[in-house]
Amino acid sequence: MTPPDPATVPDLPAALAARPRDPRRGLPIPPVNLHPGPDGAPSAVDFTTINTTTSTDLAADRRCSLCGEPMGYWVAFLGTPRAAELLRYTDPPGHPECMTAALTLCPHIAIARHRRARADRPGGGIMPPGAHGTKPDGWTLGITRTYRSVFVAAHGFTVYLPAPFRTAYAYAYGPDGRLHHRTGTV
């Protein structure tokens, strides 16, 4: 299998392309980035924070966190090399194609110099307990068949525990500041 290269990601997967778009950025809005407005209806978009209720429900129903559609046989996790090593994620799973698209679409992932907004700024998001907030030198896209979800009530977030990866791809930032596939698999 050829590793997905974020520099040459083809057209968006149809289900991700069909998502509503953020008018400011033009990006598809994943269901996990919609947050309840004052009336309780999902209306506020925050790309820096995952809606734990939505992500937990999607994972329980084996639906993609980025497009919201049912996942097939394979599921993917995208996170730091340390998350891949521990097989513990705070970000929910998705279709391998949708997660591959995230390598290019998400500025925080795709661009080395891009930083998350500080938590004290509006729309800055909230870091889960134990997160240190520093950006990794690279990312790992792991593909597996199964996973478990564990809700940590004391902290109000879910941890996703994938089965060992059948395939994992490592990505690092190149001299151009963009994410590139590292040679070989993890």
N, C-alpha and C. Protein backbone atom coordinates (compact mmCIF):
# COMPACT_ATOMS: atom_id res chain seq x y z
N MET A 1 0.85 -1.17 0.00
CA MET A 1 0.00 0.00 0.00
C MET A 1 0.90 1.24 0.00
N THR A 2 0.61 2.19 -0.88
CA THR A 2 1.37 3.42 -0.94
C THR A 2 0.91 4.37 0.16
N PRO A 3 1.86 4.94 0.90
CA PRO A 3 1.44 5.85 1.98
C PRO A 3 0.80 7.11 1.43
N PRO A 4 -0.22 7.60 2.10
CA PRO A 4 -0.84 8.85 1.67
C PRO A 4 0.15 10.00 1.86
N ASP A 5 0.32 10.81 0.85
CA ASP A 5 1.23 11.95 0.90
C ASP A 5 0.39 13.22 1.03
N PRO A 6 0.52 13.95 2.14
CA PRO A 6 -0.31 15.14 2.31
C PRO A 6 -0.06 16.21 1.26
N ALA A 7 1.09 16.17 0.61
CA ALA A 7 1.36 17.18 -0.43
C ALA A 7 0.56 16.90 -1.69
N THR A 8 0.06 15.67 -1.85
CA THR A 8 -0.65 15.32 -3.07
C THR A 8 -2.01 14.71 -2.79
N VAL A 9 -2.67 15.17 -1.74
CA VAL A 9 -3.99 14.62 -1.42
C VAL A 9 -4.94 14.92 -2.57
N PRO A 10 -5.62 13.88 -3.07
CA PRO A 10 -6.57 14.10 -4.17
C PRO A 10 -7.80 14.85 -3.66
N ASP A 11 -8.80 14.90 -4.51
CA ASP A 11 -10.04 15.56 -4.12
C ASP A 11 -10.52 15.03 -2.77
N LEU A 12 -11.26 15.87 -2.07
CA LEU A 12 -11.80 15.47 -0.78
C LEU A 12 -12.73 14.28 -0.94
N PRO A 13 -12.76 13.40 0.07
CA PRO A 13 -13.78 12.35 0.05
C PRO A 13 -15.15 13.00 -0.06
N ALA A 14 -16.05 12.36 -0.80
CA ALA A 14 -17.37 12.96 -1.08
C ALA A 14 -18.12 13.37 0.17
N ALA A 15 -18.12 12.52 1.20
CA ALA A 15 -18.87 12.85 2.42
C ALA A 15 -18.27 14.05 3.14
N LEU A 16 -16.95 14.20 3.11
CA LEU A 16 -16.30 15.35 3.73
C LEU A 16 -16.55 16.61 2.90
N ALA A 17 -16.49 16.47 1.60
CA ALA A 17 -16.75 17.61 0.70
C ALA A 17 -18.19 18.11 0.83
N ALA A 18 -19.12 17.23 1.21
CA ALA A 18 -20.54 17.59 1.33
C ALA A 18 -20.85 18.30 2.65
N ARG A 19 -19.91 18.34 3.58
CA ARG A 19 -20.14 19.00 4.87
C ARG A 19 -20.32 20.51 4.67
N PRO A 20 -21.05 21.16 5.58
CA PRO A 20 -21.12 22.63 5.53
C PRO A 20 -19.71 23.21 5.62
N ARG A 21 -19.51 24.38 5.04
CA ARG A 21 -18.19 25.02 5.01
C ARG A 21 -18.14 26.22 5.95
N ASP A 22 -17.00 26.39 6.56
CA ASP A 22 -16.75 27.58 7.38
C ASP A 22 -16.56 28.75 6.42
N PRO A 23 -17.37 29.81 6.54
CA PRO A 23 -17.29 30.90 5.57
C PRO A 23 -15.95 31.64 5.62
N ARG A 24 -15.32 31.71 6.76
CA ARG A 24 -14.05 32.43 6.87
C ARG A 24 -12.89 31.66 6.26
N ARG A 25 -12.85 30.36 6.51
CA ARG A 25 -11.70 29.55 6.08
C ARG A 25 -11.99 28.71 4.84
N GLY A 26 -13.27 28.48 4.55
CA GLY A 26 -13.63 27.63 3.42
C GLY A 26 -13.47 26.15 3.69
N LEU A 27 -13.18 25.79 4.94
CA LEU A 27 -12.95 24.40 5.30
C LEU A 27 -14.27 23.69 5.61
N PRO A 28 -14.35 22.38 5.31
CA PRO A 28 -15.52 21.63 5.75
C PRO A 28 -15.57 21.62 7.28
N ILE A 29 -16.75 21.70 7.84
CA ILE A 29 -16.90 21.72 9.30
C ILE A 29 -17.24 20.31 9.78
N PRO A 30 -16.29 19.65 10.45
CA PRO A 30 -16.60 18.33 11.00
C PRO A 30 -17.67 18.43 12.08
N PRO A 31 -18.49 17.39 12.24
CA PRO A 31 -19.52 17.44 13.27
C PRO A 31 -18.94 17.62 14.67
N VAL A 32 -17.71 17.15 14.90
CA VAL A 32 -17.10 17.27 16.24
C VAL A 32 -16.66 18.70 16.55
N ASN A 33 -16.68 19.59 15.56
CA ASN A 33 -16.29 20.98 15.80
C ASN A 33 -17.48 21.93 15.84
N LEU A 34 -18.70 21.36 15.86
CA LEU A 34 -19.90 22.16 16.08
C LEU A 34 -20.23 22.11 17.56
N HIS A 35 -20.47 23.27 18.13
CA HIS A 35 -20.74 23.37 19.56
C HIS A 35 -22.07 24.06 19.77
N PRO A 36 -22.76 23.72 20.87
CA PRO A 36 -24.07 24.32 21.11
C PRO A 36 -23.99 25.83 21.29
N GLY A 37 -24.94 26.51 20.67
CA GLY A 37 -25.07 27.95 20.86
C GLY A 37 -25.89 28.22 22.11
N PRO A 38 -26.25 29.48 22.34
CA PRO A 38 -27.01 29.84 23.54
C PRO A 38 -28.36 29.12 23.64
N ASP A 39 -28.95 28.77 22.49
CA ASP A 39 -30.24 28.08 22.53
C ASP A 39 -30.09 26.56 22.59
N GLY A 40 -28.84 26.06 22.64
CA GLY A 40 -28.60 24.63 22.73
C GLY A 40 -28.44 23.94 21.39
N ALA A 41 -28.82 24.61 20.30
CA ALA A 41 -28.67 24.03 18.96
C ALA A 41 -27.22 24.17 18.51
N PRO A 42 -26.69 23.17 17.78
CA PRO A 42 -25.31 23.30 17.31
C PRO A 42 -25.19 24.46 16.33
N SER A 43 -24.42 25.45 16.71
CA SER A 43 -24.29 26.60 15.82
C SER A 43 -22.90 27.21 15.84
N ALA A 44 -22.19 27.09 16.94
CA ALA A 44 -20.87 27.70 17.03
C ALA A 44 -19.82 26.73 16.49
N VAL A 45 -18.95 27.23 15.62
CA VAL A 45 -17.87 26.43 15.06
C VAL A 45 -16.59 26.78 15.81
N ASP A 46 -15.91 25.76 16.33
CA ASP A 46 -14.63 25.95 17.00
C ASP A 46 -13.73 24.80 16.57
N PHE A 47 -12.79 25.11 15.66
CA PHE A 47 -11.90 24.08 15.14
C PHE A 47 -10.85 23.66 16.18
N THR A 48 -10.70 24.40 17.27
CA THR A 48 -9.67 24.07 18.26
C THR A 48 -10.18 23.17 19.38
N THR A 49 -11.48 22.96 19.45
CA THR A 49 -12.06 22.17 20.52
C THR A 49 -12.99 21.10 19.95
N ILE A 50 -12.88 19.90 20.48
CA ILE A 50 -13.75 18.82 20.05
C ILE A 50 -14.96 18.76 20.97
N ASN A 51 -16.14 18.70 20.38
CA ASN A 51 -17.38 18.53 21.13
C ASN A 51 -17.39 17.08 21.63
N THR A 52 -17.13 16.91 22.91
CA THR A 52 -16.99 15.57 23.49
C THR A 52 -18.26 14.74 23.35
N THR A 53 -19.41 15.35 23.54
CA THR A 53 -20.66 14.62 23.42
C THR A 53 -20.82 14.08 22.01
N THR A 54 -20.60 14.92 21.03
CA THR A 54 -20.73 14.50 19.63
C THR A 54 -19.69 13.45 19.28
N SER A 55 -18.43 13.67 19.66
CA SER A 55 -17.38 12.72 19.29
C SER A 55 -17.61 11.36 19.93
N THR A 56 -18.05 11.36 21.18
CA THR A 56 -18.32 10.10 21.88
C THR A 56 -19.46 9.35 21.21
N ASP A 57 -20.53 10.07 20.86
CA ASP A 57 -21.67 9.45 20.18
C ASP A 57 -21.28 8.90 18.81
N LEU A 58 -20.51 9.67 18.04
CA LEU A 58 -20.08 9.20 16.72
C LEU A 58 -19.23 7.94 16.84
N ALA A 59 -18.29 7.95 17.77
CA ALA A 59 -17.41 6.78 17.95
C ALA A 59 -18.22 5.56 18.38
N ALA A 60 -19.19 5.76 19.27
CA ALA A 60 -20.03 4.64 19.72
C ALA A 60 -20.84 4.05 18.58
N ASP A 61 -21.23 4.89 17.63
CA ASP A 61 -22.00 4.45 16.47
C ASP A 61 -21.12 4.06 15.28
N ARG A 62 -19.78 4.10 15.50
CA ARG A 62 -18.79 3.79 14.46
C ARG A 62 -18.99 4.68 13.23
N ARG A 63 -19.07 5.98 13.52
CA ARG A 63 -19.21 6.99 12.47
C ARG A 63 -17.98 7.89 12.48
N CYS A 64 -17.60 8.37 11.33
CA CYS A 64 -16.41 9.20 11.15
C CYS A 64 -16.56 10.53 11.87
N SER A 65 -15.54 10.92 12.60
CA SER A 65 -15.57 12.18 13.33
C SER A 65 -15.48 13.40 12.41
N LEU A 66 -15.00 13.21 11.19
CA LEU A 66 -14.82 14.34 10.28
C LEU A 66 -15.98 14.54 9.32
N CYS A 67 -16.58 13.44 8.84
CA CYS A 67 -17.70 13.60 7.91
C CYS A 67 -19.04 13.16 8.51
N GLY A 68 -19.00 12.36 9.59
CA GLY A 68 -20.22 11.92 10.24
C GLY A 68 -20.86 10.67 9.64
N GLU A 69 -20.28 10.15 8.58
CA GLU A 69 -20.85 8.97 7.91
C GLU A 69 -20.32 7.68 8.54
N PRO A 70 -21.04 6.56 8.36
CA PRO A 70 -20.59 5.27 8.91
C PRO A 70 -19.20 4.89 8.37
N MET A 71 -18.39 4.34 9.29
CA MET A 71 -17.07 3.86 8.88
C MET A 71 -17.19 2.41 8.46
N GLY A 72 -16.39 2.03 7.50
CA GLY A 72 -16.39 0.65 7.02
C GLY A 72 -15.46 -0.24 7.84
N TYR A 73 -14.81 -1.13 7.16
CA TYR A 73 -13.96 -2.11 7.81
C TYR A 73 -12.78 -1.46 8.53
N TRP A 74 -12.11 -0.53 7.87
CA TRP A 74 -10.93 0.13 8.44
C TRP A 74 -11.28 1.48 9.03
N VAL A 75 -10.62 1.81 10.13
CA VAL A 75 -10.75 3.12 10.75
C VAL A 75 -9.35 3.67 10.97
N ALA A 76 -9.26 4.99 11.06
CA ALA A 76 -7.95 5.63 11.21
C ALA A 76 -7.94 6.55 12.41
N PHE A 77 -6.76 6.67 12.98
CA PHE A 77 -6.48 7.61 14.06
C PHE A 77 -5.32 8.48 13.63
N LEU A 78 -5.43 9.75 13.90
CA LEU A 78 -4.37 10.70 13.57
C LEU A 78 -3.96 11.40 14.85
N GLY A 79 -2.68 11.32 15.15
CA GLY A 79 -2.20 11.95 16.38
C GLY A 79 -0.69 12.00 16.43
N THR A 80 -0.19 12.30 17.58
CA THR A 80 1.25 12.41 17.76
C THR A 80 1.90 11.02 17.73
N PRO A 81 3.21 10.98 17.48
CA PRO A 81 3.89 9.69 17.56
C PRO A 81 3.73 9.03 18.94
N ARG A 82 3.69 9.83 19.99
CA ARG A 82 3.51 9.28 21.33
C ARG A 82 2.13 8.65 21.50
N ALA A 83 1.09 9.28 20.96
CA ALA A 83 -0.26 8.69 21.01
C ALA A 83 -0.27 7.35 20.28
N ALA A 84 0.43 7.28 19.14
CA ALA A 84 0.49 6.03 18.38
C ALA A 84 1.25 4.96 19.17
N GLU A 85 2.30 5.36 19.84
CA GLU A 85 3.07 4.42 20.64
C GLU A 85 2.23 3.85 21.79
N LEU A 86 1.48 4.72 22.44
CA LEU A 86 0.65 4.30 23.57
C LEU A 86 -0.70 3.72 23.17
N LEU A 87 -1.08 3.94 21.91
CA LEU A 87 -2.41 3.58 21.41
C LEU A 87 -3.49 4.20 22.29
N ARG A 88 -3.34 5.51 22.52
CA ARG A 88 -4.31 6.29 23.31
C ARG A 88 -4.47 7.66 22.65
N TYR A 89 -5.70 7.98 22.33
CA TYR A 89 -5.99 9.23 21.63
C TYR A 89 -7.09 10.00 22.33
N THR A 90 -6.99 11.32 22.30
CA THR A 90 -8.10 12.16 22.76
C THR A 90 -8.93 12.64 21.57
N ASP A 91 -8.42 12.46 20.35
CA ASP A 91 -9.18 12.78 19.14
C ASP A 91 -9.82 11.50 18.61
N PRO A 92 -11.08 11.58 18.20
CA PRO A 92 -11.81 10.39 17.76
C PRO A 92 -11.36 9.87 16.40
N PRO A 93 -11.77 8.63 16.06
CA PRO A 93 -11.39 8.03 14.78
C PRO A 93 -12.21 8.56 13.61
N GLY A 94 -11.75 8.19 12.42
CA GLY A 94 -12.47 8.55 11.21
C GLY A 94 -12.10 7.63 10.07
N HIS A 95 -12.71 7.88 8.92
CA HIS A 95 -12.34 7.13 7.72
C HIS A 95 -10.86 7.39 7.42
N PRO A 96 -10.13 6.40 6.94
CA PRO A 96 -8.74 6.67 6.54
C PRO A 96 -8.63 7.80 5.53
N GLU A 97 -9.59 7.89 4.59
CA GLU A 97 -9.55 8.94 3.57
C GLU A 97 -9.79 10.33 4.19
N CYS A 98 -10.70 10.41 5.14
CA CYS A 98 -10.97 11.69 5.79
C CYS A 98 -9.78 12.13 6.64
N MET A 99 -9.18 11.19 7.36
CA MET A 99 -8.02 11.52 8.18
C MET A 99 -6.83 11.91 7.31
N THR A 100 -6.69 11.28 6.16
CA THR A 100 -5.64 11.67 5.22
C THR A 100 -5.87 13.10 4.74
N ALA A 101 -7.12 13.44 4.46
CA ALA A 101 -7.43 14.81 4.04
C ALA A 101 -7.10 15.81 5.14
N ALA A 102 -7.27 15.42 6.40
CA ALA A 102 -6.97 16.31 7.52
C ALA A 102 -5.50 16.69 7.56
N LEU A 103 -4.63 15.83 7.03
CA LEU A 103 -3.20 16.14 6.98
C LEU A 103 -2.94 17.43 6.20
N THR A 104 -3.79 17.71 5.24
CA THR A 104 -3.65 18.91 4.42
C THR A 104 -4.59 20.02 4.85
N LEU A 105 -5.81 19.66 5.23
CA LEU A 105 -6.84 20.66 5.53
C LEU A 105 -6.62 21.39 6.86
N CYS A 106 -6.20 20.69 7.87
CA CYS A 106 -6.06 21.31 9.19
C CYS A 106 -4.76 22.10 9.25
N PRO A 107 -4.84 23.42 9.35
CA PRO A 107 -3.61 24.22 9.38
C PRO A 107 -2.69 23.85 10.54
N HIS A 108 -3.28 23.50 11.69
CA HIS A 108 -2.45 23.12 12.84
C HIS A 108 -1.59 21.91 12.53
N ILE A 109 -2.13 20.98 11.76
CA ILE A 109 -1.38 19.77 11.39
C ILE A 109 -0.47 20.04 10.19
N ALA A 110 -0.99 20.67 9.17
CA ALA A 110 -0.29 20.79 7.89
C ALA A 110 0.91 21.74 7.91
N ILE A 111 0.90 22.74 8.77
CA ILE A 111 1.92 23.79 8.73
C ILE A 111 2.69 23.83 10.05
N ALA A 112 3.99 23.68 9.98
CA ALA A 112 4.83 23.62 11.19
C ALA A 112 4.68 24.86 12.05
N ARG A 113 4.66 26.02 11.46
CA ARG A 113 4.65 27.26 12.25
C ARG A 113 3.26 27.64 12.77
N HIS A 114 2.22 26.93 12.32
CA HIS A 114 0.87 27.25 12.76
C HIS A 114 0.68 26.79 14.20
N ARG A 115 0.19 27.68 15.03
CA ARG A 115 -0.03 27.38 16.45
C ARG A 115 -1.51 27.47 16.78
N ARG A 116 -1.93 26.70 17.75
CA ARG A 116 -3.31 26.79 18.24
C ARG A 116 -3.49 28.11 18.98
N ALA A 117 -4.71 28.60 18.96
CA ALA A 117 -5.03 29.80 19.72
C ALA A 117 -4.89 29.50 21.21
N ARG A 118 -4.42 30.48 21.96
CA ARG A 118 -4.31 30.31 23.41
C ARG A 118 -5.70 30.10 24.00
N ALA A 119 -5.78 29.33 25.06
CA ALA A 119 -7.07 29.00 25.69
C ALA A 119 -7.78 30.23 26.24
N ASP A 120 -7.03 31.31 26.53
CA ASP A 120 -7.67 32.49 27.09
C ASP A 120 -8.28 33.40 26.01
N ARG A 121 -8.09 33.05 24.75
CA ARG A 121 -8.69 33.82 23.66
C ARG A 121 -10.02 33.21 23.27
N PRO A 122 -10.98 34.04 22.83
CA PRO A 122 -12.25 33.48 22.36
C PRO A 122 -12.00 32.47 21.24
N GLY A 123 -12.64 31.33 21.33
CA GLY A 123 -12.45 30.29 20.32
C GLY A 123 -11.15 29.55 20.47
N GLY A 124 -10.45 29.75 21.57
CA GLY A 124 -9.15 29.15 21.77
C GLY A 124 -9.19 27.69 22.16
N GLY A 125 -10.31 27.19 22.55
CA GLY A 125 -10.42 25.78 22.89
C GLY A 125 -9.91 25.46 24.28
N ILE A 126 -10.09 24.23 24.66
CA ILE A 126 -9.68 23.76 25.97
C ILE A 126 -8.81 22.53 25.78
N MET A 127 -7.67 22.50 26.42
CA MET A 127 -6.78 21.35 26.34
C MET A 127 -7.26 20.29 27.32
N PRO A 128 -7.28 19.02 26.90
CA PRO A 128 -7.68 17.96 27.84
C PRO A 128 -6.65 17.82 28.96
N PRO A 129 -7.05 17.34 30.12
CA PRO A 129 -6.11 17.13 31.21
C PRO A 129 -4.96 16.24 30.74
N GLY A 130 -3.74 16.61 31.12
CA GLY A 130 -2.57 15.84 30.73
C GLY A 130 -1.94 16.32 29.44
N ALA A 131 -2.66 17.13 28.64
CA ALA A 131 -2.09 17.66 27.40
C ALA A 131 -1.14 18.79 27.75
N HIS A 132 -0.05 18.87 27.03
CA HIS A 132 0.94 19.89 27.34
C HIS A 132 0.90 21.07 26.39
N GLY A 133 0.20 20.94 25.29
CA GLY A 133 0.00 22.06 24.39
C GLY A 133 1.13 22.34 23.43
N THR A 134 2.27 21.66 23.57
CA THR A 134 3.35 21.89 22.62
C THR A 134 3.09 21.09 21.36
N LYS A 135 3.50 21.66 20.23
CA LYS A 135 3.25 21.01 18.96
C LYS A 135 4.31 19.92 18.72
N PRO A 136 3.86 18.75 18.23
CA PRO A 136 4.83 17.69 17.97
C PRO A 136 5.65 17.99 16.70
N ASP A 137 6.75 17.27 16.55
CA ASP A 137 7.58 17.40 15.36
C ASP A 137 6.98 16.66 14.17
N GLY A 138 5.98 15.83 14.45
CA GLY A 138 5.37 15.06 13.39
C GLY A 138 4.07 14.43 13.86
N TRP A 139 3.46 13.68 12.98
CA TRP A 139 2.17 13.06 13.23
C TRP A 139 2.20 11.63 12.72
N THR A 140 1.33 10.81 13.25
CA THR A 140 1.21 9.43 12.80
C THR A 140 -0.24 9.15 12.44
N LEU A 141 -0.43 8.55 11.27
CA LEU A 141 -1.75 8.11 10.81
C LEU A 141 -1.76 6.59 10.93
N GLY A 142 -2.55 6.09 11.87
CA GLY A 142 -2.62 4.65 12.10
C GLY A 142 -3.97 4.10 11.66
N ILE A 143 -3.92 2.94 11.02
CA ILE A 143 -5.14 2.32 10.50
C ILE A 143 -5.32 0.97 11.17
N THR A 144 -6.52 0.76 11.68
CA THR A 144 -6.85 -0.46 12.41
C THR A 144 -8.27 -0.87 12.10
N ARG A 145 -8.68 -1.96 12.69
CA ARG A 145 -10.05 -2.45 12.49
C ARG A 145 -10.97 -2.05 13.62
N THR A 146 -10.49 -2.13 14.85
CA THR A 146 -11.36 -1.91 16.00
C THR A 146 -10.75 -0.92 16.99
N TYR A 147 -11.60 -0.47 17.88
CA TYR A 147 -11.18 0.44 18.93
C TYR A 147 -12.20 0.38 20.05
N ARG A 148 -11.79 0.90 21.20
CA ARG A 148 -12.70 1.07 22.33
C ARG A 148 -12.71 2.54 22.69
N SER A 149 -13.79 3.00 23.30
CA SER A 149 -13.89 4.37 23.80
C SER A 149 -14.12 4.30 25.30
N VAL A 150 -13.42 5.14 26.04
CA VAL A 150 -13.58 5.20 27.48
C VAL A 150 -13.84 6.65 27.87
N PHE A 151 -15.02 6.92 28.43
CA PHE A 151 -15.34 8.27 28.87
C PHE A 151 -14.74 8.48 30.26
N VAL A 152 -13.96 9.54 30.41
CA VAL A 152 -13.33 9.87 31.69
C VAL A 152 -14.19 10.97 32.32
N ALA A 153 -15.16 10.55 33.11
CA ALA A 153 -16.16 11.47 33.67
C ALA A 153 -15.53 12.56 34.51
N ALA A 154 -14.50 12.25 35.26
CA ALA A 154 -13.87 13.24 36.14
C ALA A 154 -13.32 14.43 35.36
N HIS A 155 -12.96 14.19 34.09
CA HIS A 155 -12.39 15.26 33.28
C HIS A 155 -13.29 15.66 32.12
N GLY A 156 -14.37 14.92 31.89
CA GLY A 156 -15.33 15.29 30.86
C GLY A 156 -14.86 15.07 29.44
N PHE A 157 -14.01 14.09 29.19
CA PHE A 157 -13.61 13.80 27.82
C PHE A 157 -13.47 12.30 27.64
N THR A 158 -13.37 11.88 26.37
CA THR A 158 -13.28 10.47 26.03
C THR A 158 -11.87 10.16 25.55
N VAL A 159 -11.38 8.99 25.93
CA VAL A 159 -10.12 8.47 25.42
C VAL A 159 -10.46 7.35 24.46
N TYR A 160 -9.80 7.35 23.31
CA TYR A 160 -10.03 6.33 22.28
C TYR A 160 -8.83 5.40 22.26
N LEU A 161 -9.12 4.09 22.32
CA LEU A 161 -8.08 3.08 22.43
C LEU A 161 -8.15 2.15 21.22
N PRO A 162 -7.37 2.43 20.17
CA PRO A 162 -7.41 1.57 19.00
C PRO A 162 -6.71 0.24 19.25
N ALA A 163 -7.14 -0.78 18.50
CA ALA A 163 -6.41 -2.04 18.47
C ALA A 163 -5.07 -1.75 17.78
N PRO A 164 -4.09 -2.63 17.92
CA PRO A 164 -2.81 -2.38 17.24
C PRO A 164 -3.03 -2.08 15.75
N PHE A 165 -2.25 -1.14 15.25
CA PHE A 165 -2.40 -0.70 13.86
C PHE A 165 -1.93 -1.78 12.89
N ARG A 166 -2.71 -1.96 11.86
CA ARG A 166 -2.28 -2.84 10.77
C ARG A 166 -1.24 -2.10 9.93
N THR A 167 -1.49 -0.81 9.74
CA THR A 167 -0.58 0.04 8.99
C THR A 167 -0.49 1.38 9.71
N ALA A 168 0.70 1.94 9.75
CA ALA A 168 0.87 3.27 10.33
C ALA A 168 1.87 4.05 9.49
N TYR A 169 1.55 5.30 9.25
CA TYR A 169 2.41 6.16 8.45
C TYR A 169 2.89 7.32 9.31
N ALA A 170 4.17 7.63 9.18
CA ALA A 170 4.76 8.73 9.94
C ALA A 170 4.93 9.94 9.03
N TYR A 171 4.66 11.11 9.59
CA TYR A 171 4.79 12.37 8.86
C TYR A 171 5.64 13.33 9.68
N ALA A 172 6.46 14.11 8.99
CA ALA A 172 7.30 15.10 9.67
C ALA A 172 7.31 16.38 8.83
N TYR A 173 7.66 17.47 9.48
CA TYR A 173 7.74 18.75 8.77
C TYR A 173 9.06 18.85 8.02
N GLY A 174 8.95 19.24 6.75
CA GLY A 174 10.14 19.41 5.92
C GLY A 174 10.69 20.82 6.04
N PRO A 175 11.78 21.10 5.32
CA PRO A 175 12.38 22.44 5.34
C PRO A 175 11.42 23.54 4.89
N ASP A 176 10.41 23.15 4.10
CA ASP A 176 9.41 24.11 3.63
C ASP A 176 8.33 24.40 4.68
N GLY A 177 8.43 23.72 5.85
CA GLY A 177 7.44 23.93 6.91
C GLY A 177 6.15 23.17 6.72
N ARG A 178 6.10 22.35 5.67
CA ARG A 178 4.90 21.55 5.38
C ARG A 178 5.12 20.10 5.80
N LEU A 179 4.02 19.42 6.03
CA LEU A 179 4.05 18.04 6.45
C LEU A 179 4.35 17.13 5.25
N HIS A 180 5.27 16.17 5.45
CA HIS A 180 5.64 15.22 4.40
C HIS A 180 5.72 13.82 4.99
N HIS A 181 5.44 12.83 4.17
CA HIS A 181 5.54 11.45 4.61
C HIS A 181 7.01 11.09 4.83
N ARG A 182 7.27 10.43 5.96
CA ARG A 182 8.61 9.90 6.21
C ARG A 182 8.72 8.57 5.47
N THR A 183 9.89 8.24 5.01
CA THR A 183 10.11 7.00 4.30
C THR A 183 9.82 5.81 5.20
N GLY A 184 9.15 4.81 4.65
CA GLY A 184 8.81 3.61 5.41
C GLY A 184 7.56 3.84 6.25
N THR A 185 7.17 2.80 6.95
CA THR A 185 6.03 2.92 7.85
C THR A 185 6.54 2.86 9.26
N VAL A 186 5.67 3.18 10.19
CA VAL A 186 6.04 3.20 11.60
C VAL A 186 6.18 1.77 12.10
